[in-house]
């Protein structure tokens, strides 16, 4: 429907039905970047575990780099633990956890 405002009520209701049919709890927020103000959302203000959101950005960047020929998505990548810097910084690295925040290995999520 180009040029017409989109009534998102029915779409959001259907998304909620799909979650219910799957006996799942979910959230969704989609924004049309080419049409400011056009968005659909379900539970958009709910806090979520950062790992649930972060992996989407990670996969999008992977796809972007693969499309640009900057990496081969079939190639295995080994990620090792970070080492302390020359200045003696702690070996802590950001990690994903089940708390709604990025945490450091040396801290605890309350």
Protein backbone atom coordinates (compact mmCIF):
# COMPACT_ATOMS: atom_id res chain seq x y z
CA UNK A 1 0.00 0.00 0.00
CA UNK A 2 2.31 2.74 -1.15
CA UNK A 3 1.18 6.19 -0.07
CA UNK A 4 -1.43 4.92 2.39
CA UNK A 5 -0.98 4.70 6.16
CA UNK A 6 -0.80 1.12 7.31
CA UNK A 7 -3.29 -0.03 9.95
CA UNK A 8 -1.02 -2.13 12.13
CA UNK A 9 -3.72 -3.26 14.56
CA UNK A 10 -4.68 -6.37 12.58
CA UNK A 11 -1.05 -7.25 11.88
CA UNK A 12 -0.07 -6.90 15.54
CA UNK A 13 -3.11 -8.97 16.54
CA UNK A 14 -2.08 -11.72 14.10
CA UNK A 15 1.49 -11.70 15.42
CA UNK A 16 0.14 -12.14 18.96
CA UNK A 17 -2.01 -15.04 17.70
CA UNK A 18 1.01 -16.73 16.12
CA UNK A 19 2.92 -16.49 19.41
CA UNK A 20 -0.12 -17.90 21.26
CA UNK A 21 -0.56 -20.75 18.75
CA UNK A 22 3.08 -21.68 19.27
CA UNK A 23 2.57 -21.48 23.04
CA UNK A 24 5.41 -18.97 23.02
CA UNK A 25 6.09 -15.61 24.54
CA UNK A 26 7.63 -13.17 22.11
CA UNK A 27 8.30 -9.60 21.24
CA UNK A 28 8.67 -7.96 17.86
CA UNK A 29 9.55 -4.50 16.65
CA UNK A 30 9.90 -3.80 12.93
CA UNK A 31 10.54 -0.35 11.49
CA UNK A 32 10.41 0.57 7.80
CA UNK A 33 13.63 2.54 7.42
CA UNK A 34 12.42 3.97 4.10
CA UNK A 35 9.14 5.27 5.58
CA UNK A 36 9.68 7.00 8.93
CA UNK A 37 6.82 6.42 11.31
CA UNK A 38 5.81 3.09 9.78
CA UNK A 39 6.42 0.44 12.38
CA UNK A 40 4.84 -2.62 13.91
CA UNK A 41 5.43 -3.74 17.44
CA UNK A 42 4.39 -6.18 20.07
CA UNK A 43 5.90 -5.76 23.54
CA UNK A 44 8.29 -3.10 22.25
CA UNK A 45 8.79 -1.53 25.67
CA UNK A 46 9.45 -4.82 27.47
CA UNK A 47 12.97 -5.48 28.72
CA UNK A 48 14.64 -8.40 26.99
CA UNK A 49 17.87 -10.29 27.46
CA UNK A 50 20.53 -8.42 25.48
CA UNK A 51 21.69 -11.65 23.83
CA UNK A 52 18.26 -11.95 22.21
CA UNK A 53 18.76 -8.65 20.43
CA UNK A 54 22.53 -8.77 19.92
CA UNK A 55 22.47 -11.93 17.83
CA UNK A 56 20.23 -10.21 15.26
CA UNK A 57 22.78 -7.44 14.78
CA UNK A 58 25.58 -9.99 14.61
CA UNK A 59 23.86 -11.99 11.86
CA UNK A 60 23.02 -8.82 9.89
CA UNK A 61 26.67 -7.74 9.99
CA UNK A 62 27.78 -11.23 8.98
CA UNK A 63 25.40 -11.10 5.99
CA UNK A 64 26.60 -7.60 5.06
CA UNK A 65 30.26 -8.65 5.11
CA UNK A 66 29.55 -11.85 3.20
CA UNK A 67 27.61 -9.91 0.56
CA UNK A 68 30.50 -7.44 0.24
CA UNK A 69 32.95 -10.33 -0.20
CA UNK A 70 34.78 -9.42 3.00
CA UNK A 71 34.40 -12.88 4.48
CA UNK A 72 33.43 -16.39 3.50
CA UNK A 73 30.44 -17.50 5.59
CA UNK A 74 31.57 -21.13 5.20
CA UNK A 75 34.92 -20.42 6.83
CA UNK A 76 35.31 -21.45 10.46
CA UNK A 77 36.16 -18.67 12.90
CA UNK A 78 37.83 -19.38 16.23
CA UNK A 79 37.36 -16.77 18.94
CA UNK A 80 39.78 -16.97 21.83
CA UNK A 81 39.64 -15.34 25.25
CA UNK A 82 41.09 -11.83 25.29
CA UNK A 83 44.43 -11.24 26.94
CA UNK A 84 45.41 -8.48 29.33
CA UNK A 85 46.64 -5.31 27.66
CA UNK A 86 50.16 -3.98 28.03
CA UNK A 87 48.79 -1.50 30.56
CA UNK A 88 47.66 -4.37 32.77
CA UNK A 89 43.92 -4.07 32.16
CA UNK A 90 41.83 -6.91 33.56
CA UNK A 91 41.09 -9.87 31.33
CA UNK A 92 37.36 -9.17 31.57
CA UNK A 93 35.42 -9.20 28.34
CA UNK A 94 31.80 -8.37 27.68
CA UNK A 95 29.67 -11.48 27.73
CA UNK A 96 26.02 -12.14 27.13
CA UNK A 97 23.97 -13.46 29.99
CA UNK A 98 20.35 -14.07 30.87
CA UNK A 99 20.10 -10.68 32.57
CA UNK A 100 18.81 -7.68 30.61
CA UNK A 101 22.26 -6.15 30.38
CA UNK A 102 25.70 -6.80 28.97
CA UNK A 103 27.87 -7.90 31.86
CA UNK A 104 31.55 -8.33 32.50
CA UNK A 105 32.94 -11.65 33.61
CA UNK A 106 34.11 -10.00 36.80
CA UNK A 107 30.70 -8.58 37.72
CA UNK A 108 27.34 -10.02 38.64
CA UNK A 109 23.93 -9.07 37.30
CA UNK A 110 21.55 -8.16 40.09
